[in-house]
Amino acid sequence: MRATFSYASILHAVGQMLDQVGVKSIAIHEEEDGLFIEGFNSEGHLQVQMRYDIASLYDLVSRSENAVEERKQLTSVENEGTLHRFLADHKRELVGATY
């Protein structure tokens, strides 16, 4: 089990969640036991307030990192399939270089 996360991974996970609810500006306050987050709409009115304790942040960041890893794996498989289709369509084959 991972003990710490970087600010980048925390902010990425929080940012994804805020994007899902469609906020236009944010305020993030670090508290002793987690984060207090406010999201505002385009008129500057409060749209959402959330408080994440450390356990909730851990879950949020873990889910975010798992989703990123799954997308990477799917993209890799899709790209591999695309290359094979391209080569087949053009009657070509992939040849490794040897030295």
N, C-alpha and C. Protein backbone atom coordinates (compact mmCIF):
# COMPACT_ATOMS: atom_id res chain seq x y z
N MET A 1 0.83 -1.17 0.00
CA MET A 1 0.00 0.00 0.00
C MET A 1 0.89 1.24 0.00
N ARG A 2 0.58 2.15 -0.87
CA ARG A 2 1.37 3.37 -1.03
C ARG A 2 1.08 4.33 0.12
N ALA A 3 2.13 4.92 0.70
CA ALA A 3 1.97 5.77 1.88
C ALA A 3 1.77 7.24 1.52
N THR A 4 2.38 7.71 0.43
CA THR A 4 2.27 9.12 0.09
C THR A 4 1.97 9.31 -1.39
N PHE A 5 1.41 10.45 -1.71
CA PHE A 5 1.14 10.84 -3.08
C PHE A 5 1.74 12.21 -3.31
N SER A 6 2.06 12.52 -4.54
CA SER A 6 2.59 13.83 -4.86
C SER A 6 1.43 14.83 -4.98
N TYR A 7 1.77 16.11 -4.85
CA TYR A 7 0.76 17.13 -5.08
C TYR A 7 0.18 17.00 -6.49
N ALA A 8 1.01 16.65 -7.45
CA ALA A 8 0.55 16.52 -8.82
C ALA A 8 -0.54 15.45 -8.94
N SER A 9 -0.34 14.30 -8.30
CA SER A 9 -1.35 13.24 -8.40
C SER A 9 -2.63 13.61 -7.65
N ILE A 10 -2.50 14.31 -6.53
CA ILE A 10 -3.68 14.74 -5.78
C ILE A 10 -4.46 15.76 -6.59
N LEU A 11 -3.76 16.77 -7.11
CA LEU A 11 -4.44 17.81 -7.88
C LEU A 11 -5.04 17.26 -9.17
N HIS A 12 -4.38 16.29 -9.78
CA HIS A 12 -4.93 15.66 -10.99
C HIS A 12 -6.24 14.97 -10.68
N ALA A 13 -6.28 14.20 -9.61
CA ALA A 13 -7.50 13.48 -9.23
C ALA A 13 -8.62 14.45 -8.87
N VAL A 14 -8.30 15.48 -8.09
CA VAL A 14 -9.29 16.49 -7.72
C VAL A 14 -9.77 17.23 -8.97
N GLY A 15 -8.84 17.58 -9.86
CA GLY A 15 -9.20 18.28 -11.09
C GLY A 15 -10.12 17.48 -11.98
N GLN A 16 -9.89 16.18 -12.09
CA GLN A 16 -10.78 15.33 -12.89
C GLN A 16 -12.19 15.35 -12.33
N MET A 17 -12.28 15.27 -11.00
CA MET A 17 -13.59 15.27 -10.37
C MET A 17 -14.29 16.62 -10.60
N LEU A 18 -13.55 17.72 -10.48
CA LEU A 18 -14.14 19.05 -10.70
C LEU A 18 -14.55 19.23 -12.16
N ASP A 19 -13.79 18.69 -13.10
CA ASP A 19 -14.16 18.74 -14.51
C ASP A 19 -15.49 18.02 -14.75
N GLN A 20 -15.70 16.91 -14.05
CA GLN A 20 -16.93 16.14 -14.23
C GLN A 20 -18.16 16.93 -13.82
N VAL A 21 -18.03 17.80 -12.81
CA VAL A 21 -19.19 18.59 -12.38
C VAL A 21 -19.26 19.93 -13.09
N GLY A 22 -18.24 20.25 -13.90
CA GLY A 22 -18.30 21.42 -14.76
C GLY A 22 -18.03 22.76 -14.10
N VAL A 23 -17.21 22.79 -13.06
CA VAL A 23 -16.91 24.08 -12.43
C VAL A 23 -15.97 24.88 -13.33
N LYS A 24 -16.00 26.20 -13.16
CA LYS A 24 -15.17 27.08 -13.98
C LYS A 24 -13.99 27.67 -13.21
N SER A 25 -14.08 27.75 -11.90
CA SER A 25 -12.95 28.19 -11.08
C SER A 25 -13.02 27.47 -9.74
N ILE A 26 -11.87 27.41 -9.07
CA ILE A 26 -11.80 26.62 -7.84
C ILE A 26 -11.01 27.35 -6.76
N ALA A 27 -11.23 26.90 -5.54
CA ALA A 27 -10.40 27.29 -4.40
C ALA A 27 -10.15 26.02 -3.61
N ILE A 28 -8.89 25.75 -3.33
CA ILE A 28 -8.51 24.57 -2.56
C ILE A 28 -7.78 25.03 -1.32
N HIS A 29 -8.27 24.57 -0.18
CA HIS A 29 -7.66 24.93 1.10
C HIS A 29 -7.15 23.65 1.75
N GLU A 30 -5.87 23.63 2.07
CA GLU A 30 -5.30 22.48 2.77
C GLU A 30 -5.63 22.62 4.25
N GLU A 31 -6.17 21.56 4.81
CA GLU A 31 -6.51 21.55 6.23
C GLU A 31 -5.67 20.49 6.93
N GLU A 32 -5.73 20.49 8.22
CA GLU A 32 -4.94 19.56 9.01
C GLU A 32 -5.24 18.10 8.65
N ASP A 33 -6.49 17.81 8.36
CA ASP A 33 -6.87 16.43 8.09
C ASP A 33 -7.29 16.18 6.64
N GLY A 34 -6.94 17.08 5.70
CA GLY A 34 -7.29 16.86 4.31
C GLY A 34 -7.41 18.14 3.52
N LEU A 35 -8.38 18.17 2.60
CA LEU A 35 -8.61 19.33 1.75
C LEU A 35 -10.05 19.79 1.81
N PHE A 36 -10.26 21.09 1.71
CA PHE A 36 -11.57 21.69 1.56
C PHE A 36 -11.57 22.36 0.19
N ILE A 37 -12.50 21.95 -0.68
CA ILE A 37 -12.52 22.39 -2.07
C ILE A 37 -13.84 23.08 -2.37
N GLU A 38 -13.73 24.22 -3.04
CA GLU A 38 -14.91 24.94 -3.50
C GLU A 38 -14.81 25.10 -5.02
N GLY A 39 -15.91 24.88 -5.70
CA GLY A 39 -15.98 25.07 -7.14
C GLY A 39 -17.05 26.10 -7.47
N PHE A 40 -16.74 26.96 -8.42
CA PHE A 40 -17.63 28.06 -8.77
C PHE A 40 -18.02 27.96 -10.24
N ASN A 41 -19.23 28.44 -10.56
CA ASN A 41 -19.68 28.45 -11.94
C ASN A 41 -19.13 29.67 -12.67
N SER A 42 -19.50 29.85 -13.92
CA SER A 42 -18.94 30.94 -14.72
C SER A 42 -19.34 32.33 -14.22
N GLU A 43 -20.43 32.42 -13.45
CA GLU A 43 -20.83 33.70 -12.87
C GLU A 43 -20.16 33.96 -11.53
N GLY A 44 -19.35 33.02 -11.07
CA GLY A 44 -18.65 33.18 -9.80
C GLY A 44 -19.45 32.74 -8.59
N HIS A 45 -20.59 32.09 -8.82
CA HIS A 45 -21.41 31.59 -7.71
C HIS A 45 -20.92 30.20 -7.29
N LEU A 46 -21.00 29.95 -6.01
CA LEU A 46 -20.60 28.66 -5.46
C LEU A 46 -21.44 27.55 -6.08
N GLN A 47 -20.77 26.57 -6.66
CA GLN A 47 -21.45 25.44 -7.30
C GLN A 47 -21.33 24.17 -6.46
N VAL A 48 -20.16 23.98 -5.84
CA VAL A 48 -19.93 22.76 -5.08
C VAL A 48 -18.90 23.03 -3.97
N GLN A 49 -19.11 22.38 -2.85
CA GLN A 49 -18.14 22.38 -1.75
C GLN A 49 -17.90 20.94 -1.35
N MET A 50 -16.64 20.59 -1.17
CA MET A 50 -16.31 19.23 -0.79
C MET A 50 -15.20 19.25 0.26
N ARG A 51 -15.28 18.35 1.17
CA ARG A 51 -14.21 18.18 2.16
C ARG A 51 -13.74 16.73 2.04
N TYR A 52 -12.45 16.59 1.80
CA TYR A 52 -11.84 15.27 1.70
C TYR A 52 -10.90 15.08 2.88
N ASP A 53 -11.16 14.06 3.69
CA ASP A 53 -10.18 13.72 4.72
C ASP A 53 -9.09 12.88 4.05
N ILE A 54 -8.09 12.52 4.78
CA ILE A 54 -6.94 11.83 4.19
C ILE A 54 -7.34 10.49 3.58
N ALA A 55 -8.20 9.75 4.24
CA ALA A 55 -8.65 8.46 3.70
C ALA A 55 -9.41 8.65 2.39
N SER A 56 -10.26 9.66 2.32
CA SER A 56 -11.02 9.93 1.10
C SER A 56 -10.10 10.36 -0.04
N LEU A 57 -9.09 11.18 0.28
CA LEU A 57 -8.11 11.58 -0.74
C LEU A 57 -7.35 10.37 -1.27
N TYR A 58 -6.96 9.48 -0.35
CA TYR A 58 -6.26 8.27 -0.75
C TYR A 58 -7.10 7.46 -1.74
N ASP A 59 -8.38 7.28 -1.42
CA ASP A 59 -9.28 6.54 -2.32
C ASP A 59 -9.43 7.24 -3.66
N LEU A 60 -9.62 8.57 -3.64
CA LEU A 60 -9.79 9.34 -4.87
C LEU A 60 -8.56 9.23 -5.77
N VAL A 61 -7.38 9.42 -5.20
CA VAL A 61 -6.15 9.37 -5.99
C VAL A 61 -5.90 7.95 -6.49
N SER A 62 -6.13 6.95 -5.67
CA SER A 62 -5.94 5.56 -6.09
C SER A 62 -6.85 5.21 -7.26
N ARG A 63 -8.12 5.60 -7.17
CA ARG A 63 -9.06 5.34 -8.27
C ARG A 63 -8.61 6.06 -9.54
N SER A 64 -8.16 7.29 -9.39
CA SER A 64 -7.69 8.07 -10.54
C SER A 64 -6.50 7.41 -11.21
N GLU A 65 -5.52 6.98 -10.41
CA GLU A 65 -4.33 6.34 -10.96
C GLU A 65 -4.67 5.01 -11.63
N ASN A 66 -5.60 4.27 -11.05
CA ASN A 66 -6.03 3.01 -11.67
C ASN A 66 -6.71 3.27 -13.01
N ALA A 67 -7.53 4.31 -13.08
CA ALA A 67 -8.21 4.65 -14.33
C ALA A 67 -7.21 5.07 -15.40
N VAL A 68 -6.19 5.83 -15.01
CA VAL A 68 -5.15 6.25 -15.96
C VAL A 68 -4.42 5.03 -16.49
N GLU A 69 -4.06 4.10 -15.62
CA GLU A 69 -3.35 2.90 -16.04
C GLU A 69 -4.21 2.06 -16.98
N GLU A 70 -5.50 1.92 -16.69
CA GLU A 70 -6.39 1.16 -17.57
C GLU A 70 -6.49 1.81 -18.95
N ARG A 71 -6.57 3.16 -18.99
CA ARG A 71 -6.63 3.86 -20.28
C ARG A 71 -5.34 3.65 -21.06
N LYS A 72 -4.19 3.66 -20.39
CA LYS A 72 -2.92 3.43 -21.07
C LYS A 72 -2.89 2.04 -21.69
N GLN A 73 -3.37 1.04 -20.95
CA GLN A 73 -3.36 -0.32 -21.46
C GLN A 73 -4.29 -0.45 -22.66
N LEU A 74 -5.48 0.15 -22.59
CA LEU A 74 -6.42 0.10 -23.70
C LEU A 74 -5.86 0.80 -24.93
N THR A 75 -5.23 1.95 -24.72
CA THR A 75 -4.64 2.70 -25.82
C THR A 75 -3.54 1.89 -26.48
N SER A 76 -2.72 1.22 -25.69
CA SER A 76 -1.65 0.40 -26.23
C SER A 76 -2.21 -0.72 -27.10
N VAL A 77 -3.25 -1.38 -26.61
CA VAL A 77 -3.87 -2.47 -27.37
C VAL A 77 -4.50 -1.92 -28.64
N GLU A 78 -5.19 -0.78 -28.56
CA GLU A 78 -5.80 -0.17 -29.74
C GLU A 78 -4.75 0.20 -30.77
N ASN A 79 -3.64 0.80 -30.32
CA ASN A 79 -2.58 1.19 -31.24
C ASN A 79 -1.94 -0.02 -31.90
N GLU A 80 -1.75 -1.08 -31.14
CA GLU A 80 -1.17 -2.29 -31.70
C GLU A 80 -2.09 -2.85 -32.78
N GLY A 81 -3.39 -2.87 -32.52
CA GLY A 81 -4.35 -3.35 -33.50
C GLY A 81 -4.37 -2.47 -34.74
N THR A 82 -4.23 -1.17 -34.56
CA THR A 82 -4.21 -0.23 -35.67
C THR A 82 -3.01 -0.49 -36.56
N LEU A 83 -1.84 -0.69 -35.95
CA LEU A 83 -0.62 -0.98 -36.72
C LEU A 83 -0.77 -2.26 -37.53
N HIS A 84 -1.29 -3.31 -36.91
CA HIS A 84 -1.46 -4.58 -37.61
C HIS A 84 -2.45 -4.44 -38.76
N ARG A 85 -3.55 -3.70 -38.56
CA ARG A 85 -4.52 -3.49 -39.65
C ARG A 85 -3.88 -2.70 -40.79
N PHE A 86 -3.12 -1.66 -40.45
CA PHE A 86 -2.46 -0.85 -41.46
C PHE A 86 -1.51 -1.71 -42.30
N LEU A 87 -0.69 -2.51 -41.62
CA LEU A 87 0.25 -3.36 -42.33
C LEU A 87 -0.47 -4.38 -43.21
N ALA A 88 -1.54 -4.96 -42.70
CA ALA A 88 -2.31 -5.93 -43.49
C ALA A 88 -2.96 -5.26 -44.69
N ASP A 89 -3.53 -4.07 -44.49
CA ASP A 89 -4.20 -3.35 -45.58
C ASP A 89 -3.22 -2.98 -46.69
N HIS A 90 -1.98 -2.74 -46.33
CA HIS A 90 -0.98 -2.31 -47.31
C HIS A 90 -0.03 -3.45 -47.70
N LYS A 91 -0.43 -4.67 -47.34
CA LYS A 91 0.35 -5.86 -47.65
C LYS A 91 1.82 -5.70 -47.27
N ARG A 92 2.02 -5.24 -46.04
CA ARG A 92 3.36 -5.03 -45.49
C ARG A 92 3.50 -5.87 -44.23
N GLU A 93 4.72 -6.01 -43.77
CA GLU A 93 4.95 -6.70 -42.51
C GLU A 93 5.98 -5.94 -41.69
N LEU A 94 5.91 -6.11 -40.41
CA LEU A 94 6.82 -5.45 -39.50
C LEU A 94 8.11 -6.27 -39.41
N VAL A 95 9.22 -5.62 -39.65
CA VAL A 95 10.51 -6.30 -39.64
C VAL A 95 11.38 -5.66 -38.58
N GLY A 96 11.98 -6.48 -37.73
CA GLY A 96 12.88 -5.95 -36.70
C GLY A 96 14.25 -5.68 -37.28
N ALA A 97 14.89 -4.64 -36.77
CA ALA A 97 16.24 -4.31 -37.22
C ALA A 97 17.24 -5.12 -36.41
N THR A 98 18.24 -5.65 -37.07
CA THR A 98 19.29 -6.39 -36.38
C THR A 98 20.62 -5.72 -36.65
N TYR A 99 21.50 -5.79 -35.67
CA TYR A 99 22.83 -5.18 -35.81
C TYR A 99 23.89 -6.22 -35.89
